[in-house]
């Protein structure tokens, strides 16, 4: 069951990563077009602002994908010296801390969005972008990351309780430069 859940989460996050990548490519094309227009004395204007918004949204959504693909940086000096059970316990601790931290971040993102919605806030820029348009997807990305962190923690804990330490380590472990992923 835990393997099926993680497999489903990976597939969903792979599709989300593709959508985020398309958004980044669209933003890059927009910036490139603006640069080309500047060569003839014209400009869309606001490309720096829009690219910053796209980067914030892409980052918040990309975090869950990176976590499930074991791409986040971890210092594993102690972990690498432990036996399998000790490594899995360190991995569970690290995943729990990550889930708690990301939940706090998502929790703190909500008031930012709620205030923008309540006040009809716009950016203090020439574009006067409605901030909720940006903060909504940004908040949703952090909330998704928090949900993925907790789901991954639960799946790895279930694997550990079933005695499937290798599977748990493959789901949430840290792998050194020289060490290949299982």
N, C-alpha and C. Protein backbone atom coordinates (compact mmCIF):
# COMPACT_ATOMS: atom_id res chain seq x y z
N UNK A 1 0.82 -1.20 0.00
CA UNK A 1 0.00 0.00 0.00
C UNK A 1 0.86 1.26 0.00
N UNK A 2 1.89 1.28 0.86
CA UNK A 2 2.76 2.45 0.94
C UNK A 2 3.52 2.64 -0.37
N UNK A 3 3.94 1.52 -0.99
CA UNK A 3 4.64 1.61 -2.27
C UNK A 3 3.72 2.18 -3.35
N UNK A 4 2.48 1.75 -3.35
CA UNK A 4 1.50 2.23 -4.33
C UNK A 4 1.26 3.72 -4.14
N UNK A 5 1.12 4.14 -2.89
CA UNK A 5 0.89 5.56 -2.60
C UNK A 5 2.08 6.40 -3.08
N UNK A 6 3.29 5.96 -2.76
CA UNK A 6 4.48 6.73 -3.19
C UNK A 6 4.61 6.75 -4.70
N UNK A 7 4.28 5.65 -5.35
CA UNK A 7 4.33 5.61 -6.80
C UNK A 7 3.33 6.59 -7.41
N UNK A 8 2.13 6.63 -6.86
CA UNK A 8 1.12 7.58 -7.33
C UNK A 8 1.58 9.02 -7.12
N UNK A 9 2.12 9.30 -5.93
CA UNK A 9 2.60 10.65 -5.63
C UNK A 9 3.72 11.06 -6.59
N UNK A 10 4.60 10.11 -6.90
CA UNK A 10 5.68 10.42 -7.84
C UNK A 10 5.14 10.74 -9.22
N UNK A 11 4.15 9.98 -9.67
CA UNK A 11 3.55 10.25 -10.99
C UNK A 11 2.87 11.60 -11.02
N UNK A 12 2.10 11.91 -9.98
CA UNK A 12 1.43 13.22 -9.91
C UNK A 12 2.47 14.34 -9.93
N UNK A 13 3.51 14.19 -9.13
CA UNK A 13 4.53 15.24 -9.05
C UNK A 13 5.35 15.34 -10.33
N UNK A 14 5.50 14.25 -11.06
CA UNK A 14 6.19 14.31 -12.35
C UNK A 14 5.39 15.18 -13.32
N UNK A 15 4.07 15.01 -13.33
CA UNK A 15 3.21 15.83 -14.20
C UNK A 15 3.24 17.29 -13.75
N UNK A 16 3.20 17.50 -12.45
CA UNK A 16 3.28 18.88 -11.95
C UNK A 16 4.61 19.52 -12.34
N UNK A 17 5.70 18.74 -12.28
CA UNK A 17 7.01 19.26 -12.65
C UNK A 17 7.03 19.64 -14.13
N UNK A 18 6.37 18.85 -14.96
CA UNK A 18 6.29 19.18 -16.39
C UNK A 18 5.53 20.49 -16.58
N UNK A 19 4.40 20.64 -15.87
CA UNK A 19 3.64 21.89 -15.97
C UNK A 19 4.46 23.09 -15.51
N UNK A 20 5.18 22.92 -14.41
CA UNK A 20 6.04 24.00 -13.91
C UNK A 20 7.14 24.31 -14.93
N UNK A 21 7.70 23.27 -15.53
CA UNK A 21 8.72 23.46 -16.55
C UNK A 21 8.19 24.21 -17.75
N UNK A 22 6.97 23.91 -18.16
CA UNK A 22 6.34 24.63 -19.26
C UNK A 22 6.16 26.10 -18.89
N UNK A 23 5.76 26.35 -17.64
CA UNK A 23 5.63 27.73 -17.17
C UNK A 23 6.96 28.47 -17.20
N UNK A 24 8.03 27.78 -16.79
CA UNK A 24 9.36 28.41 -16.82
C UNK A 24 9.81 28.68 -18.25
N UNK A 25 9.54 27.74 -19.15
CA UNK A 25 9.90 27.95 -20.56
C UNK A 25 9.11 29.12 -21.14
N UNK A 26 7.82 29.21 -20.80
CA UNK A 26 7.01 30.33 -21.25
C UNK A 26 7.56 31.66 -20.74
N UNK A 27 7.97 31.67 -19.49
CA UNK A 27 8.55 32.89 -18.90
C UNK A 27 9.85 33.24 -19.60
N UNK A 28 10.68 32.23 -19.87
CA UNK A 28 11.94 32.49 -20.57
C UNK A 28 11.68 33.05 -21.97
N UNK A 29 10.68 32.52 -22.65
CA UNK A 29 10.34 33.02 -23.99
C UNK A 29 9.86 34.47 -23.90
N UNK A 30 9.07 34.78 -22.88
CA UNK A 30 8.58 36.14 -22.67
C UNK A 30 9.74 37.10 -22.43
N UNK A 31 10.67 36.71 -21.58
CA UNK A 31 11.84 37.56 -21.29
C UNK A 31 12.69 37.72 -22.55
N UNK A 32 12.90 36.64 -23.29
CA UNK A 32 13.68 36.71 -24.53
C UNK A 32 13.01 37.65 -25.54
N UNK A 33 11.70 37.53 -25.67
CA UNK A 33 10.98 38.43 -26.58
C UNK A 33 11.13 39.89 -26.15
N UNK A 34 11.09 40.12 -24.85
CA UNK A 34 11.26 41.49 -24.36
C UNK A 34 12.67 42.00 -24.66
N UNK A 35 13.66 41.15 -24.52
CA UNK A 35 15.05 41.54 -24.81
C UNK A 35 15.18 41.89 -26.30
N UNK A 36 14.57 41.06 -27.14
CA UNK A 36 14.63 41.34 -28.58
C UNK A 36 13.90 42.64 -28.92
N UNK A 37 12.77 42.88 -28.28
CA UNK A 37 12.05 44.13 -28.51
C UNK A 37 12.87 45.35 -28.09
N UNK A 38 13.65 45.20 -27.06
CA UNK A 38 14.48 46.32 -26.60
C UNK A 38 15.50 46.73 -27.65
N UNK A 39 15.88 45.79 -28.51
CA UNK A 39 16.85 46.10 -29.55
C UNK A 39 16.28 47.05 -30.60
N UNK A 40 14.95 47.10 -30.68
CA UNK A 40 14.31 48.00 -31.65
C UNK A 40 13.60 49.16 -30.94
N UNK A 41 13.93 49.36 -29.67
CA UNK A 41 13.41 50.50 -28.94
C UNK A 41 12.05 50.31 -28.30
N UNK A 42 11.58 49.08 -28.18
CA UNK A 42 10.29 48.80 -27.54
C UNK A 42 10.51 47.83 -26.38
N UNK A 43 9.47 47.60 -25.59
CA UNK A 43 9.57 46.67 -24.48
C UNK A 43 8.18 46.35 -23.96
N UNK A 44 8.01 45.12 -23.50
CA UNK A 44 6.76 44.77 -22.82
C UNK A 44 6.69 45.48 -21.47
N UNK A 45 7.83 45.53 -20.79
CA UNK A 45 7.90 46.07 -19.44
C UNK A 45 7.42 45.04 -18.42
N UNK A 46 8.02 45.05 -17.28
CA UNK A 46 7.60 44.18 -16.20
C UNK A 46 8.11 42.76 -16.27
N UNK A 47 9.03 42.47 -17.19
CA UNK A 47 9.50 41.09 -17.28
C UNK A 47 10.25 40.66 -16.02
N UNK A 48 10.94 41.60 -15.39
CA UNK A 48 11.64 41.25 -14.15
C UNK A 48 10.64 40.89 -13.05
N UNK A 49 9.55 41.64 -12.99
CA UNK A 49 8.52 41.37 -11.98
C UNK A 49 7.85 40.03 -12.25
N UNK A 50 7.45 39.81 -13.47
CA UNK A 50 6.75 38.57 -13.82
C UNK A 50 7.66 37.36 -13.65
N UNK A 51 8.92 37.47 -14.04
CA UNK A 51 9.83 36.34 -13.88
C UNK A 51 10.08 36.03 -12.41
N UNK A 52 10.07 37.04 -11.57
CA UNK A 52 10.19 36.80 -10.13
C UNK A 52 8.99 36.04 -9.59
N UNK A 53 7.80 36.41 -10.05
CA UNK A 53 6.60 35.70 -9.63
C UNK A 53 6.64 34.24 -10.09
N UNK A 54 7.03 34.04 -11.34
CA UNK A 54 7.09 32.68 -11.89
C UNK A 54 8.11 31.86 -11.11
N UNK A 55 9.23 32.45 -10.76
CA UNK A 55 10.26 31.73 -10.01
C UNK A 55 9.75 31.33 -8.62
N UNK A 56 9.04 32.22 -7.95
CA UNK A 56 8.50 31.90 -6.62
C UNK A 56 7.49 30.75 -6.70
N UNK A 57 6.64 30.79 -7.70
CA UNK A 57 5.64 29.73 -7.87
C UNK A 57 6.32 28.42 -8.24
N UNK A 58 7.26 28.47 -9.17
CA UNK A 58 7.96 27.26 -9.61
C UNK A 58 8.72 26.62 -8.45
N UNK A 59 9.33 27.45 -7.63
CA UNK A 59 10.08 26.93 -6.48
C UNK A 59 9.16 26.22 -5.50
N UNK A 60 8.04 26.84 -5.17
CA UNK A 60 7.15 26.21 -4.19
C UNK A 60 6.60 24.89 -4.71
N UNK A 61 6.26 24.81 -5.99
CA UNK A 61 5.75 23.56 -6.54
C UNK A 61 6.85 22.53 -6.78
N UNK A 62 8.05 22.99 -7.08
CA UNK A 62 9.14 22.07 -7.37
C UNK A 62 9.70 21.36 -6.15
N UNK A 63 9.45 21.91 -4.98
CA UNK A 63 10.00 21.31 -3.76
C UNK A 63 9.49 19.90 -3.51
N UNK A 64 8.21 19.63 -3.73
CA UNK A 64 7.65 18.30 -3.50
C UNK A 64 8.26 17.29 -4.47
N UNK A 65 8.40 17.67 -5.72
CA UNK A 65 9.01 16.78 -6.71
C UNK A 65 10.44 16.45 -6.28
N UNK A 66 11.18 17.47 -5.90
CA UNK A 66 12.58 17.28 -5.51
C UNK A 66 12.67 16.36 -4.29
N UNK A 67 11.76 16.52 -3.33
CA UNK A 67 11.77 15.66 -2.15
C UNK A 67 11.53 14.21 -2.52
N UNK A 68 10.53 13.96 -3.35
CA UNK A 68 10.21 12.58 -3.73
C UNK A 68 11.31 11.95 -4.57
N UNK A 69 12.08 12.76 -5.26
CA UNK A 69 13.19 12.25 -6.07
C UNK A 69 14.51 12.25 -5.28
N UNK A 70 14.42 12.51 -3.98
CA UNK A 70 15.57 12.53 -3.07
C UNK A 70 16.64 13.53 -3.53
N UNK A 71 16.19 14.67 -4.00
CA UNK A 71 17.09 15.68 -4.51
C UNK A 71 17.47 16.78 -3.53
N UNK A 72 16.84 16.80 -2.36
CA UNK A 72 17.19 17.83 -1.38
C UNK A 72 18.54 17.49 -0.75
N UNK A 73 19.29 18.51 -0.45
CA UNK A 73 20.61 18.33 0.13
C UNK A 73 20.47 17.95 1.60
N UNK A 74 21.19 16.92 2.00
CA UNK A 74 21.25 16.53 3.41
C UNK A 74 22.69 16.22 3.75
N UNK A 75 23.09 16.58 4.94
CA UNK A 75 24.42 16.25 5.42
C UNK A 75 24.29 14.94 6.16
N UNK A 76 24.94 13.91 5.63
CA UNK A 76 24.75 12.58 6.18
C UNK A 76 26.00 12.01 6.85
N UNK A 77 26.75 12.86 7.51
CA UNK A 77 27.99 12.43 8.16
C UNK A 77 27.74 11.32 9.17
N UNK A 78 26.76 11.52 10.05
CA UNK A 78 26.45 10.49 11.05
C UNK A 78 25.68 9.33 10.44
N UNK A 79 24.71 9.64 9.60
CA UNK A 79 23.85 8.63 9.01
C UNK A 79 24.63 7.56 8.27
N UNK A 80 25.64 7.97 7.53
CA UNK A 80 26.40 7.03 6.70
C UNK A 80 27.18 6.02 7.53
N UNK A 81 27.37 6.29 8.79
CA UNK A 81 28.15 5.40 9.67
C UNK A 81 27.28 4.41 10.43
N UNK A 82 25.96 4.50 10.22
CA UNK A 82 25.03 3.66 10.96
C UNK A 82 24.62 2.44 10.15
N UNK A 83 24.13 1.44 10.86
CA UNK A 83 23.56 0.26 10.21
C UNK A 83 22.20 0.66 9.61
N UNK A 84 21.60 -0.25 8.88
CA UNK A 84 20.36 0.04 8.15
C UNK A 84 19.27 0.61 9.05
N UNK A 85 19.02 -0.01 10.20
CA UNK A 85 17.96 0.47 11.10
C UNK A 85 18.27 1.90 11.58
N UNK A 86 19.50 2.16 11.92
CA UNK A 86 19.89 3.50 12.37
C UNK A 86 19.73 4.53 11.26
N UNK A 87 20.10 4.15 10.02
CA UNK A 87 19.93 5.06 8.88
C UNK A 87 18.46 5.39 8.67
N UNK A 88 17.62 4.38 8.74
CA UNK A 88 16.19 4.61 8.54
C UNK A 88 15.63 5.50 9.65
N UNK A 89 16.08 5.30 10.88
CA UNK A 89 15.60 6.14 11.99
C UNK A 89 16.03 7.60 11.77
N UNK A 90 17.26 7.80 11.30
CA UNK A 90 17.72 9.16 10.99
C UNK A 90 16.89 9.74 9.84
N UNK A 91 16.60 8.91 8.84
CA UNK A 91 15.79 9.37 7.70
C UNK A 91 14.39 9.76 8.15
N UNK A 92 13.79 8.96 9.02
CA UNK A 92 12.46 9.28 9.53
C UNK A 92 12.48 10.58 10.32
N UNK A 93 13.52 10.76 11.13
CA UNK A 93 13.66 12.01 11.89
C UNK A 93 13.79 13.20 10.94
N UNK A 94 14.65 13.05 9.93
CA UNK A 94 14.86 14.14 8.97
C UNK A 94 13.56 14.45 8.22
N UNK A 95 12.82 13.41 7.84
CA UNK A 95 11.57 13.62 7.11
C UNK A 95 10.53 14.27 8.02
N UNK A 96 10.49 13.88 9.28
CA UNK A 96 9.55 14.50 10.22
C UNK A 96 9.86 15.98 10.42
N UNK A 97 11.14 16.29 10.57
CA UNK A 97 11.54 17.69 10.73
C UNK A 97 11.18 18.49 9.47
N UNK A 98 11.44 17.89 8.30
CA UNK A 98 11.07 18.56 7.05
C UNK A 98 9.56 18.81 6.98
N UNK A 99 8.77 17.79 7.31
CA UNK A 99 7.31 17.93 7.26
C UNK A 99 6.83 19.02 8.21
N UNK A 100 7.39 19.06 9.40
CA UNK A 100 7.00 20.09 10.37
C UNK A 100 7.38 21.48 9.86
N UNK A 101 8.62 21.63 9.37
CA UNK A 101 9.07 22.95 8.89
C UNK A 101 8.24 23.43 7.71
N UNK A 102 7.97 22.54 6.77
CA UNK A 102 7.21 22.94 5.58
C UNK A 102 5.77 23.26 5.97
N UNK A 103 5.23 22.54 6.93
CA UNK A 103 3.87 22.83 7.39
C UNK A 103 3.83 24.22 8.02
N UNK A 104 4.83 24.56 8.80
CA UNK A 104 4.89 25.91 9.39
C UNK A 104 4.99 26.96 8.30
N UNK A 105 5.80 26.71 7.28
CA UNK A 105 5.92 27.67 6.18
C UNK A 105 4.58 27.84 5.48
N UNK A 106 3.92 26.72 5.14
CA UNK A 106 2.62 26.80 4.47
C UNK A 106 1.60 27.51 5.36
N UNK A 107 1.64 27.21 6.64
CA UNK A 107 0.73 27.84 7.59
C UNK A 107 0.93 29.36 7.62
N UNK A 108 2.18 29.78 7.55
CA UNK A 108 2.49 31.21 7.57
C UNK A 108 2.25 31.89 6.22
N UNK A 109 2.20 31.11 5.15
CA UNK A 109 1.89 31.67 3.82
C UNK A 109 0.42 32.05 3.72
N UNK A 110 -0.44 31.30 4.39
CA UNK A 110 -1.87 31.57 4.26
C UNK A 110 -2.26 33.00 4.66
N UNK A 111 -1.80 33.53 5.81
CA UNK A 111 -2.18 34.91 6.14
C UNK A 111 -1.74 35.94 5.10
N UNK A 112 -0.63 35.68 4.44
CA UNK A 112 -0.16 36.59 3.39
C UNK A 112 -1.19 36.64 2.27
N UNK A 113 -1.63 35.46 1.83
CA UNK A 113 -2.64 35.38 0.77
C UNK A 113 -3.98 35.93 1.27
N UNK A 114 -4.37 35.57 2.48
CA UNK A 114 -5.67 36.04 3.01
C UNK A 114 -5.72 37.56 3.10
N UNK A 115 -4.64 38.18 3.54
CA UNK A 115 -4.60 39.65 3.60
C UNK A 115 -4.68 40.27 2.21
N UNK A 116 -4.01 39.68 1.24
CA UNK A 116 -4.07 40.20 -0.12
C UNK A 116 -5.48 40.08 -0.68
N UNK A 117 -6.14 38.96 -0.39
CA UNK A 117 -7.52 38.78 -0.85
C UNK A 117 -8.45 39.78 -0.17
N UNK A 118 -8.31 39.91 1.13
CA UNK A 118 -9.19 40.81 1.89
C UNK A 118 -9.01 42.27 1.50
N UNK A 119 -7.78 42.65 1.22
CA UNK A 119 -7.49 44.05 0.92
C UNK A 119 -7.46 44.37 -0.57
N UNK A 120 -7.57 43.34 -1.41
CA UNK A 120 -7.44 43.58 -2.85
C UNK A 120 -6.07 44.14 -3.19
N UNK A 121 -5.04 43.65 -2.51
CA UNK A 121 -3.68 44.20 -2.65
C UNK A 121 -3.13 44.00 -4.05
N UNK A 122 -2.40 45.03 -4.50
CA UNK A 122 -1.69 44.95 -5.77
C UNK A 122 -0.23 45.27 -5.52
N UNK A 123 0.59 44.85 -6.46
CA UNK A 123 2.02 45.12 -6.35
C UNK A 123 2.27 46.62 -6.48
N UNK A 124 3.26 47.10 -5.77
CA UNK A 124 3.65 48.51 -5.82
C UNK A 124 4.62 48.71 -6.99
N UNK A 125 4.13 48.37 -8.17
CA UNK A 125 4.93 48.45 -9.39
C UNK A 125 4.05 49.04 -10.50
N UNK A 126 4.64 49.38 -11.61
CA UNK A 126 3.82 49.89 -12.72
C UNK A 126 2.75 48.90 -13.20
N UNK A 127 3.01 47.60 -13.08
CA UNK A 127 2.01 46.61 -13.51
C UNK A 127 0.82 46.51 -12.56
N UNK A 128 1.04 46.87 -11.30
CA UNK A 128 0.00 46.77 -10.27
C UNK A 128 -0.68 45.40 -10.28
N UNK A 129 0.14 44.36 -10.31
CA UNK A 129 -0.35 42.99 -10.35
C UNK A 129 -1.16 42.68 -9.10
N UNK A 130 -2.37 42.14 -9.24
CA UNK A 130 -3.10 41.69 -8.05
C UNK A 130 -2.30 40.58 -7.36
N UNK A 131 -1.89 40.82 -6.14
CA UNK A 131 -0.99 39.89 -5.46
C UNK A 131 -1.60 38.52 -5.23
N UNK A 132 -2.90 38.44 -5.11
CA UNK A 132 -3.54 37.13 -4.91
C UNK A 132 -3.33 36.22 -6.11
N UNK A 133 -3.19 36.79 -7.30
CA UNK A 133 -2.95 35.98 -8.49
C UNK A 133 -1.63 35.24 -8.39
N UNK A 134 -0.68 35.83 -7.72
CA UNK A 134 0.64 35.23 -7.55
C UNK A 134 0.69 34.41 -6.27
N UNK A 135 0.14 34.97 -5.20
CA UNK A 135 0.24 34.31 -3.91
C UNK A 135 -0.63 33.06 -3.81
N UNK A 136 -1.71 32.99 -4.59
CA UNK A 136 -2.55 31.79 -4.57
C UNK A 136 -1.80 30.55 -5.02
N UNK A 137 -1.21 30.57 -6.23
CA UNK A 137 -0.44 29.40 -6.66
C UNK A 137 0.81 29.16 -5.80
N UNK A 138 1.40 30.23 -5.31
CA UNK A 138 2.57 30.12 -4.44
C UNK A 138 2.19 29.40 -3.14
N UNK A 139 1.10 29.82 -2.51
CA UNK A 139 0.62 29.16 -1.30
C UNK A 139 0.25 27.71 -1.59
N UNK A 140 -0.45 27.46 -2.69
CA UNK A 140 -0.86 26.10 -3.03
C UNK A 140 0.35 25.19 -3.19
N UNK A 141 1.45 25.71 -3.76
CA UNK A 141 2.67 24.92 -3.88
C UNK A 141 3.25 24.54 -2.54
N UNK A 142 3.27 25.48 -1.61
CA UNK A 142 3.78 25.16 -0.26
C UNK A 142 2.86 24.18 0.46
N UNK A 143 1.54 24.35 0.31
CA UNK A 143 0.60 23.42 0.93
C UNK A 143 0.77 22.02 0.34
N UNK A 144 0.96 21.95 -0.98
CA UNK A 144 1.18 20.66 -1.63
C UNK A 144 2.46 20.01 -1.11
N UNK A 145 3.52 20.79 -0.98
CA UNK A 145 4.78 20.28 -0.46
C UNK A 145 4.59 19.73 0.95
N UNK A 146 3.87 20.46 1.79
CA UNK A 146 3.62 19.98 3.15
C UNK A 146 2.84 18.67 3.13
N UNK A 147 1.81 18.60 2.30
CA UNK A 147 1.02 17.37 2.22
C UNK A 147 1.89 16.20 1.73
N UNK A 148 2.75 16.46 0.75
CA UNK A 148 3.63 15.41 0.23
C UNK A 148 4.65 14.97 1.30
N UNK A 149 5.15 15.91 2.07
CA UNK A 149 6.12 15.57 3.11
C UNK A 149 5.49 14.65 4.16
N UNK A 150 4.25 14.98 4.57
CA UNK A 150 3.57 14.13 5.55
C UNK A 150 3.20 12.77 4.96
N UNK A 151 2.73 12.74 3.73
CA UNK A 151 2.36 11.47 3.10
C UNK A 151 3.59 10.57 2.94
N UNK A 152 4.71 11.16 2.57
CA UNK A 152 5.94 10.40 2.41
C UNK A 152 6.43 9.88 3.76
N UNK A 153 6.33 10.71 4.79
CA UNK A 153 6.71 10.28 6.13
C UNK A 153 5.86 9.09 6.59
N UNK A 154 4.56 9.19 6.39
CA UNK A 154 3.67 8.09 6.80
C UNK A 154 3.99 6.82 6.02
N UNK A 155 4.20 6.94 4.71
CA UNK A 155 4.51 5.76 3.90
C UNK A 155 5.82 5.12 4.36
N UNK A 156 6.83 5.92 4.62
CA UNK A 156 8.12 5.38 5.08
C UNK A 156 8.00 4.77 6.47
N UNK A 157 7.19 5.38 7.33
CA UNK A 157 6.98 4.81 8.67
C UNK A 157 6.28 3.45 8.58
N UNK A 158 5.31 3.35 7.69
CA UNK A 158 4.61 2.07 7.50
C UNK A 158 5.59 1.02 7.00
N UNK A 159 6.42 1.37 6.04
CA UNK A 159 7.43 0.44 5.53
C UNK A 159 8.37 -0.01 6.66
N UNK A 160 8.76 0.93 7.50
CA UNK A 160 9.66 0.62 8.61
C UNK A 160 8.98 -0.33 9.59
N UNK A 161 7.73 -0.06 9.93
CA UNK A 161 7.00 -0.93 10.84
C UNK A 161 6.79 -2.33 10.26
N UNK A 162 6.73 -2.42 8.94
CA UNK A 162 6.60 -3.72 8.27
C UNK A 162 7.95 -4.43 8.16
N UNK A 163 9.01 -3.77 8.62
CA UNK A 163 10.34 -4.35 8.55
C UNK A 163 11.00 -4.21 7.19
N UNK A 164 10.47 -3.38 6.35
CA UNK A 164 11.00 -3.15 5.00
C UNK A 164 11.93 -1.94 5.02
N UNK A 165 13.05 -2.11 5.71
CA UNK A 165 13.98 -1.00 5.91
C UNK A 165 14.58 -0.50 4.59
N UNK A 166 14.89 -1.43 3.69
CA UNK A 166 15.44 -1.03 2.40
C UNK A 166 14.47 -0.17 1.60
N UNK A 167 13.20 -0.54 1.63
CA UNK A 167 12.19 0.24 0.92
C UNK A 167 12.02 1.61 1.55
N UNK A 168 12.03 1.66 2.88
CA UNK A 168 11.90 2.95 3.58
C UNK A 168 13.10 3.83 3.26
N UNK A 169 14.28 3.24 3.27
CA UNK A 169 15.48 4.02 2.96
C UNK A 169 15.45 4.51 1.51
N UNK A 170 14.95 3.69 0.60
CA UNK A 170 14.85 4.11 -0.80
C UNK A 170 13.84 5.24 -0.96
N UNK A 171 12.84 5.28 -0.09
CA UNK A 171 11.79 6.31 -0.19
C UNK A 171 12.21 7.65 0.37
N UNK A 172 12.99 7.66 1.46
CA UNK A 172 13.32 8.92 2.12
C UNK A 172 14.80 9.06 2.48
N UNK A 173 15.63 8.16 2.01
CA UNK A 173 17.05 8.17 2.39
C UNK A 173 17.83 9.29 1.75
N UNK A 174 19.08 9.35 2.16
CA UNK A 174 20.05 10.30 1.59
C UNK A 174 21.15 9.45 0.99
N UNK A 175 21.55 9.79 -0.21
CA UNK A 175 22.56 9.00 -0.87
C UNK A 175 23.74 9.90 -1.23
N UNK A 176 24.92 9.42 -0.84
CA UNK A 176 26.14 10.20 -1.08
C UNK A 176 26.49 10.25 -2.54
N UNK A 177 27.49 11.06 -2.87
CA UNK A 177 27.93 11.22 -4.25
C UNK A 177 28.38 9.90 -4.85
N UNK A 178 29.11 9.13 -4.08
CA UNK A 178 29.68 7.88 -4.60
C UNK A 178 28.70 6.72 -4.51
N UNK A 179 27.65 6.88 -3.74
CA UNK A 179 26.69 5.81 -3.48
C UNK A 179 25.53 5.92 -4.47
N UNK A 180 25.25 4.83 -5.15
CA UNK A 180 24.13 4.83 -6.11
C UNK A 180 22.83 4.60 -5.38
N UNK A 181 21.76 5.18 -5.88
CA UNK A 181 20.44 4.97 -5.28
C UNK A 181 19.99 3.54 -5.56
N UNK A 182 19.30 2.91 -4.59
CA UNK A 182 18.83 1.55 -4.80
C UNK A 182 17.69 1.52 -5.80
